[in-house]
Amino acid sequence: MSKELSPARAIMDLAVAYWASRCLHVVAELGVADALGEEPCDAESLAQRTRSQPQALHRVLRALANHGIFEHDGEKFRHNAASRMLRSDVPGSLRSLARMMGLKVHWDAYRELDVAVRTGQPSIAAVTEGGLFAHLRSHPEEARLFHEAMEGKSFMQLRPVVESYDFRGLQCIGDIGGGLGHLLDAVLERVPDARGVLFDLPAVIEHARRRNAPRVTYVPGDFFKDPIPPCDAYMLMTVLHDWSDAEAVRILDNLKSRAPSGAKVLIIEAVVTPTARDEFVLDLDIEMLAMTTGRERTRGEWEALISKAGLKLKRVIPAGAWSCVIEAELA
C-alpha cells in the first residue's frame, strides 16, 4: 500500500512540478534520447552529440532519472522504458508531444493562466492574436510539430477505439479533423472493404497526402463551413473538446448538411465522471482552459451538446483508459 503524502509534501511537489517537466521539454528538444544508444553513456559524450554543456546536461538528466525517465548509476545514463518513448524512431513516440509542450507560445499561455480563471477566456489569447489555431496557421513548423504530437498522443488510443466499436458493414468512413489520418488508417485496416475520407485544413491534408493510402480520399477544408463529403459514419477524435458548445454545434451542423439518412457520428473523446480523482482527463481539461475555447465534458454535457446539434445520443462505449466512443445519429 502506498504511503499518503503529507499535506506539505503534496503542495510542495505540485508547486515545483514544472522543474522536472521543463527538463523533459529541453531534453526532447535536444534529441538526447536519440543520441543515447543501447550502451550506457556519460553526459560528456551525450553533450558532444547534442551540442550542449556537459555538466548542465548531467544535472538535467539526473533530475529526470529521479522521476523515472532514464536510469543513472552515478556516472552514466542508460535508457529505460520511459526514456525510449522520447526517441523519434519508436512507434508512438512522445518526443514531439514533449517538444510541443515546451514551445514558447505554450509556456507563455500557462504563465497567463490566471487570465483564463479571471475571464473564462483561453489564456493563450493573451499571448498570441487569434489563439492557438491561428498561431499554428502562421507558424508552419510549430503546426507540423503539433500534428506529430497529436499522432503520438493518439497512438495509445487507436487500438482500444478500433477494438471497442464494430465498424463492419460501413462502406465510407470519414475522419473529420483527422490530422495525418492515423485513426482512419487503423480503422480501414480492420474493415478491408471500406474506403475513407480524410478531411482537414489544406496545409494538413497536403502533408497527409504523402502517406498515399490507397483507399483514402483526401479532402481539404474548414469543418466550420466547407462541404464535408457524404459518409456512412463520421469520426471526430479529440476534435470537439477544442471548441465551445456553440462552435461544436456549428461543426456538427455543417457535417449534417450533407450527411445521408442513417449516418452515424462517432465522437471519440473523454467522458468526465463528476466525482473523478487522479485521472488524466482532469489535467487535460486545464490544457483546454489554457489553449482553447473548449473543455472536457461529462456524459450529461455531451448529451446536451449533441441534442443542440439535432442529433440523438445512442450509446457511450468505453475505449481505453480515458477515451469513449460516443455514438450519435440524426434525430
Protein backbone atom coordinates (compact mmCIF):
# COMPACT_ATOMS: atom_id res chain seq x y z
CA MET A 1 0.00 0.00 0.00
CA SER A 2 1.42 3.39 -0.99
CA LYS A 3 2.04 5.88 1.77
CA GLU A 4 -0.09 9.00 1.52
CA LEU A 5 1.85 12.23 1.10
CA SER A 6 1.83 14.71 3.92
CA PRO A 7 -0.16 17.89 3.17
CA ALA A 8 3.03 19.94 2.99
CA ARG A 9 4.72 17.45 0.64
CA ALA A 10 1.66 17.32 -1.63
CA ILE A 11 1.72 21.12 -2.00
CA MET A 12 5.50 21.24 -2.40
CA ASP A 13 5.59 18.54 -5.07
CA LEU A 14 2.91 20.21 -7.14
CA ALA A 15 4.31 23.73 -6.71
CA VAL A 16 7.64 22.70 -8.23
CA ALA A 17 6.41 20.07 -10.71
CA TYR A 18 7.37 22.30 -13.63
CA TRP A 19 11.05 21.95 -12.70
CA ALA A 20 11.03 18.36 -13.95
CA SER A 21 8.60 18.93 -16.82
CA ARG A 22 10.80 21.74 -18.16
CA CYS A 23 13.78 19.37 -18.07
CA LEU A 24 11.73 16.94 -20.14
CA HIS A 25 10.93 19.62 -22.74
CA VAL A 26 14.60 20.57 -23.11
CA VAL A 27 15.89 17.01 -23.38
CA ALA A 28 13.23 16.24 -26.01
CA GLU A 29 14.17 19.35 -27.99
CA LEU A 30 17.87 18.45 -27.90
CA GLY A 31 17.19 14.88 -29.04
CA VAL A 32 19.11 13.31 -26.14
CA ALA A 33 17.13 10.07 -26.29
CA ASP A 34 18.06 9.66 -29.96
CA ALA A 35 21.71 10.33 -29.11
CA LEU A 36 21.75 7.66 -26.38
CA GLY A 37 22.21 4.18 -27.83
CA GLU A 38 21.95 0.77 -26.21
CA GLU A 39 25.09 1.17 -24.13
CA PRO A 40 25.31 3.39 -21.02
CA CYS A 41 26.80 6.79 -21.77
CA ASP A 42 28.10 9.71 -19.73
CA ALA A 43 26.81 13.25 -20.06
CA GLU A 44 30.02 14.48 -21.67
CA SER A 45 29.58 12.18 -24.67
CA LEU A 46 25.88 12.99 -24.91
CA ALA A 47 26.64 16.70 -24.72
CA GLN A 48 29.03 16.42 -27.67
CA ARG A 49 26.32 14.71 -29.72
CA THR A 50 23.63 17.25 -28.78
CA ARG A 51 25.71 20.44 -28.68
CA SER A 52 25.03 21.08 -25.02
CA GLN A 53 27.10 21.75 -21.90
CA PRO A 54 28.15 18.52 -20.16
CA GLN A 55 27.68 19.47 -16.53
CA ALA A 56 24.34 21.14 -17.14
CA LEU A 57 23.12 18.17 -19.19
CA HIS A 58 24.26 15.77 -16.46
CA ARG A 59 22.21 17.65 -13.88
CA VAL A 60 19.10 17.74 -16.06
CA LEU A 61 19.31 14.03 -16.90
CA ARG A 62 19.92 13.19 -13.24
CA ALA A 63 16.74 15.10 -12.35
CA LEU A 64 14.75 13.19 -14.98
CA ALA A 65 16.14 9.87 -13.71
CA ASN A 66 14.87 10.98 -10.30
CA HIS A 67 11.40 10.96 -11.87
CA GLY A 68 11.73 7.61 -13.62
CA ILE A 69 12.88 8.81 -17.05
CA PHE A 70 16.33 7.39 -17.93
CA GLU A 71 18.40 5.43 -15.41
CA HIS A 72 21.55 6.70 -13.75
CA ASP A 73 24.31 4.82 -11.87
CA GLY A 74 26.08 7.93 -10.59
CA GLU A 75 28.19 8.35 -13.71
CA LYS A 76 26.47 7.05 -16.83
CA PHE A 77 22.92 7.16 -18.15
CA ARG A 78 21.00 4.43 -19.92
CA HIS A 79 17.56 4.02 -21.37
CA ASN A 80 14.53 2.65 -19.60
CA ALA A 81 11.02 2.08 -20.96
CA ALA A 82 10.00 5.70 -20.32
CA SER A 83 13.04 7.35 -21.89
CA ARG A 84 12.69 5.20 -25.01
CA MET A 85 9.36 6.94 -25.63
CA LEU A 86 11.39 10.11 -26.26
CA ARG A 87 13.18 8.52 -29.21
CA SER A 88 12.00 9.66 -32.63
CA ASP A 89 12.13 6.16 -34.11
CA VAL A 90 9.80 4.22 -31.80
CA PRO A 91 6.12 3.57 -32.55
CA GLY A 92 4.01 6.02 -30.58
CA SER A 93 6.97 8.30 -29.85
CA LEU A 94 6.11 11.13 -27.46
CA ARG A 95 9.13 13.25 -28.34
CA SER A 96 7.07 15.67 -30.44
CA LEU A 97 4.48 15.99 -27.69
CA ALA A 98 7.18 16.84 -25.13
CA ARG A 99 8.71 19.36 -27.54
CA MET A 100 5.30 20.91 -28.25
CA MET A 101 4.63 21.39 -24.55
CA GLY A 102 7.90 23.28 -24.35
CA LEU A 103 7.12 25.72 -27.16
CA LYS A 104 7.35 29.35 -26.10
CA VAL A 105 3.72 30.05 -27.02
CA HIS A 106 2.58 27.10 -24.91
CA TRP A 107 4.78 28.03 -21.96
CA ASP A 108 3.61 31.65 -22.15
CA ALA A 109 -0.05 30.61 -22.19
CA TYR A 110 0.39 28.82 -18.88
CA ARG A 111 2.18 31.84 -17.44
CA GLU A 112 -1.06 33.73 -18.12
CA LEU A 113 -3.41 31.02 -16.78
CA ASP A 114 -4.82 33.49 -14.24
CA VAL A 115 -6.33 35.37 -17.22
CA ALA A 116 -8.43 32.30 -18.06
CA VAL A 117 -9.52 31.89 -14.45
CA ARG A 118 -10.50 35.56 -14.17
CA THR A 119 -12.25 35.86 -17.54
CA GLY A 120 -13.18 32.37 -18.71
CA GLN A 121 -11.32 33.03 -21.97
CA PRO A 122 -8.32 30.89 -23.03
CA SER A 123 -5.12 32.34 -21.64
CA ILE A 124 -3.31 31.80 -24.96
CA ALA A 125 -5.34 34.75 -26.30
CA ALA A 126 -3.26 36.96 -24.00
CA VAL A 127 -0.01 35.95 -25.71
CA THR A 128 -0.85 35.44 -29.40
CA GLU A 129 -3.54 37.07 -31.51
CA GLY A 130 -6.33 34.74 -32.61
CA GLY A 131 -5.48 31.88 -30.23
CA LEU A 132 -3.84 28.52 -30.77
CA PHE A 133 -5.10 27.56 -34.21
CA ALA A 134 -4.42 30.99 -35.73
CA HIS A 135 -0.92 30.78 -34.29
CA LEU A 136 -0.37 27.36 -35.85
CA ARG A 137 -1.58 28.57 -39.25
CA SER A 138 1.08 31.30 -39.23
CA HIS A 139 3.86 29.07 -37.82
CA PRO A 140 4.05 26.02 -40.10
CA GLU A 141 6.94 24.33 -38.26
CA GLU A 142 5.06 24.53 -34.98
CA ALA A 143 1.95 23.25 -36.76
CA ARG A 144 3.91 20.26 -38.06
CA LEU A 145 5.15 19.57 -34.53
CA PHE A 146 1.59 19.88 -33.20
CA HIS A 147 0.25 17.25 -35.61
CA GLU A 148 3.15 14.92 -34.89
CA ALA A 149 2.43 15.38 -31.17
CA MET A 150 -1.24 14.56 -31.69
CA GLU A 151 -0.28 11.44 -33.64
CA GLY A 152 1.98 10.30 -30.82
CA LYS A 153 -0.66 11.01 -28.16
CA SER A 154 -3.33 9.22 -30.16
CA PHE A 155 -1.19 6.13 -30.76
CA MET A 156 -2.19 4.70 -27.36
CA GLN A 157 -5.86 5.41 -28.13
CA LEU A 158 -6.09 3.70 -31.51
CA ARG A 159 -6.21 0.04 -30.56
CA PRO A 160 -8.88 0.47 -27.83
CA VAL A 161 -11.02 2.52 -30.23
CA VAL A 162 -10.89 0.10 -33.16
CA GLU A 163 -11.45 -2.87 -30.83
CA SER A 164 -14.36 -1.33 -28.94
CA TYR A 165 -16.52 -0.33 -31.92
CA ASP A 166 -17.77 -2.58 -34.71
CA PHE A 167 -17.02 -0.78 -37.99
CA ARG A 168 -18.06 -3.74 -40.15
CA GLY A 169 -20.69 -3.00 -42.77
CA LEU A 170 -19.66 0.63 -43.24
CA GLN A 171 -18.74 1.49 -46.81
CA CYS A 172 -17.43 5.02 -46.39
CA ILE A 173 -15.88 6.29 -43.16
CA GLY A 174 -14.95 9.94 -42.70
CA ASP A 175 -12.23 11.15 -40.33
CA ILE A 176 -13.12 14.79 -39.73
CA GLY A 177 -10.31 16.97 -38.41
CA GLY A 178 -8.31 13.76 -38.62
CA GLY A 179 -4.83 15.24 -38.91
CA LEU A 180 -2.46 12.90 -40.71
CA GLY A 181 -5.01 10.07 -40.81
CA HIS A 182 -3.63 7.64 -38.23
CA LEU A 183 -7.10 6.79 -36.86
CA LEU A 184 -8.55 6.29 -40.33
CA ASP A 185 -5.63 4.02 -41.28
CA ALA A 186 -6.26 1.86 -38.21
CA VAL A 187 -9.98 1.57 -38.93
CA LEU A 188 -9.55 0.76 -42.61
CA GLU A 189 -7.07 -1.96 -41.72
CA ARG A 190 -9.86 -3.68 -39.80
CA VAL A 191 -12.51 -3.07 -42.50
CA PRO A 192 -10.84 -4.05 -45.79
CA ASP A 193 -13.96 -3.43 -47.89
CA ALA A 194 -14.43 0.18 -46.74
CA ARG A 195 -12.99 3.37 -48.10
CA GLY A 196 -12.18 6.50 -46.17
CA VAL A 197 -12.35 10.28 -46.39
CA LEU A 198 -9.77 12.36 -44.53
CA PHE A 199 -10.97 15.93 -44.03
CA ASP A 200 -8.78 18.66 -42.52
CA LEU A 201 -7.27 22.05 -43.27
CA PRO A 202 -5.42 22.36 -46.60
CA ALA A 203 -1.92 22.51 -45.08
CA VAL A 204 -2.62 19.38 -43.02
CA ILE A 205 -4.04 17.49 -46.00
CA GLU A 206 -1.02 18.44 -48.10
CA HIS A 207 1.17 16.72 -45.51
CA ALA A 208 -1.19 13.76 -45.09
CA ARG A 209 -1.30 13.06 -48.85
CA ARG A 210 2.33 11.95 -48.67
CA ARG A 211 1.12 8.78 -46.95
CA ASN A 212 -0.78 8.00 -50.17
CA ALA A 213 -3.14 5.49 -48.58
CA PRO A 214 -4.86 3.69 -51.49
CA ARG A 215 -8.43 3.70 -50.10
CA VAL A 216 -8.41 7.24 -48.73
CA THR A 217 -9.78 10.36 -50.42
CA TYR A 218 -8.03 13.48 -49.12
CA VAL A 219 -10.33 16.48 -48.83
CA PRO A 220 -9.03 19.90 -47.73
CA GLY A 221 -11.43 22.26 -45.99
CA ASP A 222 -12.62 24.09 -42.91
CA PHE A 223 -15.06 21.95 -40.91
CA PHE A 224 -16.96 25.05 -39.81
CA LYS A 225 -18.06 25.99 -43.32
CA ASP A 226 -16.74 23.87 -46.20
CA PRO A 227 -18.70 20.89 -47.59
CA ILE A 228 -17.86 17.59 -45.92
CA PRO A 229 -18.41 14.64 -48.30
CA PRO A 230 -21.28 12.24 -47.50
CA CYS A 231 -20.16 9.22 -45.46
CA ASP A 232 -21.81 6.30 -43.68
CA ALA A 233 -20.04 7.28 -40.48
CA TYR A 234 -18.11 10.35 -39.38
CA MET A 235 -15.36 10.09 -36.76
CA LEU A 236 -14.26 13.11 -34.74
CA MET A 237 -11.46 12.12 -32.39
CA THR A 238 -10.46 14.74 -29.80
CA VAL A 239 -11.85 17.47 -32.04
CA LEU A 240 -14.92 18.82 -30.27
CA HIS A 241 -13.16 19.19 -26.92
CA ASP A 242 -11.18 22.02 -28.56
CA TRP A 243 -14.32 24.11 -29.05
CA SER A 244 -17.09 25.77 -27.07
CA ASP A 245 -20.60 24.30 -27.24
CA ALA A 246 -21.67 26.91 -29.81
CA GLU A 247 -18.64 26.23 -32.01
CA ALA A 248 -19.03 22.45 -31.68
CA VAL A 249 -22.70 22.74 -32.74
CA ARG A 250 -21.58 24.69 -35.83
CA ILE A 251 -19.19 21.87 -36.75
CA LEU A 252 -21.90 19.25 -36.32
CA ASP A 253 -24.47 21.35 -38.21
CA ASN A 254 -22.06 21.64 -41.15
CA LEU A 255 -21.38 17.90 -41.04
CA LYS A 256 -25.13 17.15 -41.00
CA SER A 257 -25.84 19.38 -44.01
CA ARG A 258 -24.66 16.70 -46.47
CA ALA A 259 -24.91 13.60 -44.30
CA PRO A 260 -27.04 10.79 -45.73
CA SER A 261 -30.01 9.45 -43.78
CA GLY A 262 -28.91 6.96 -41.15
CA ALA A 263 -25.32 8.21 -40.97
CA LYS A 264 -23.55 7.69 -37.66
CA VAL A 265 -21.49 10.33 -35.86
CA LEU A 266 -18.75 8.82 -33.69
CA ILE A 267 -17.36 11.34 -31.22
CA ILE A 268 -14.19 9.89 -29.70
CA GLU A 269 -13.49 11.85 -26.54
CA ALA A 270 -13.16 11.58 -22.80
CA VAL A 271 -16.31 11.48 -20.70
CA VAL A 272 -15.69 13.06 -17.30
CA THR A 273 -17.05 11.38 -14.21
CA PRO A 274 -18.12 14.24 -11.90
CA THR A 275 -16.51 12.62 -8.86
CA ALA A 276 -13.31 11.58 -10.70
CA ARG A 277 -9.97 11.74 -8.87
CA ASP A 278 -6.42 11.09 -10.06
CA GLU A 279 -7.45 10.96 -13.73
CA PHE A 280 -5.53 12.32 -16.72
CA VAL A 281 -8.65 13.85 -18.22
CA LEU A 282 -8.93 16.36 -15.35
CA ASP A 283 -5.46 17.67 -16.16
CA LEU A 284 -6.28 17.62 -19.88
CA ASP A 285 -9.24 19.88 -19.11
CA ILE A 286 -6.79 22.55 -17.91
CA GLU A 287 -4.99 22.32 -21.24
CA MET A 288 -8.34 23.06 -22.87
CA LEU A 289 -8.85 26.00 -20.49
CA ALA A 290 -5.46 27.48 -21.33
CA MET A 291 -5.27 26.75 -25.05
CA THR A 292 -8.81 26.52 -26.49
CA THR A 293 -12.40 27.64 -26.04
CA GLY A 294 -13.38 24.03 -25.31
CA ARG A 295 -13.40 21.68 -22.33
CA GLU A 296 -13.69 18.08 -21.29
CA ARG A 297 -17.36 17.17 -20.78
CA THR A 298 -19.48 14.90 -18.61
CA ARG A 299 -21.97 12.49 -20.17
CA GLY A 300 -24.78 14.98 -19.42
CA GLU A 301 -22.85 17.79 -21.12
CA TRP A 302 -22.17 15.63 -24.16
CA GLU A 303 -25.83 14.64 -24.36
CA ALA A 304 -26.92 18.31 -24.18
CA LEU A 305 -24.42 19.33 -26.87
CA ILE A 306 -25.46 16.50 -29.18
CA SER A 307 -29.12 17.41 -28.70
CA LYS A 308 -28.45 21.07 -29.53
CA ALA A 309 -26.93 19.91 -32.81
CA GLY A 310 -30.09 17.99 -33.71
CA LEU A 311 -28.52 14.59 -33.09
CA LYS A 312 -29.53 11.81 -30.75
CA LEU A 313 -27.05 10.13 -28.42
CA LYS A 314 -27.37 6.35 -28.85
CA ARG A 315 -24.69 4.94 -26.56
CA VAL A 316 -21.34 5.60 -24.91
CA ILE A 317 -18.75 2.85 -25.32
CA PRO A 318 -15.61 2.87 -23.13
CA ALA A 319 -12.47 2.70 -25.28
CA GLY A 320 -9.36 2.52 -23.14
CA ALA A 321 -8.18 4.32 -20.04
CA TRP A 322 -9.80 7.68 -20.75
CA SER A 323 -11.49 7.61 -24.16
CA CYS A 324 -15.02 6.68 -25.17
CA VAL A 325 -16.82 6.27 -28.48
CA ILE A 326 -19.93 8.44 -28.21
CA GLU A 327 -22.26 7.19 -30.92
CA ALA A 328 -24.89 9.61 -32.19
CA GLU A 329 -27.21 9.69 -35.18
CA LEU A 330 -29.53 12.14 -36.88
CA ALA A 331 -32.54 12.83 -34.65
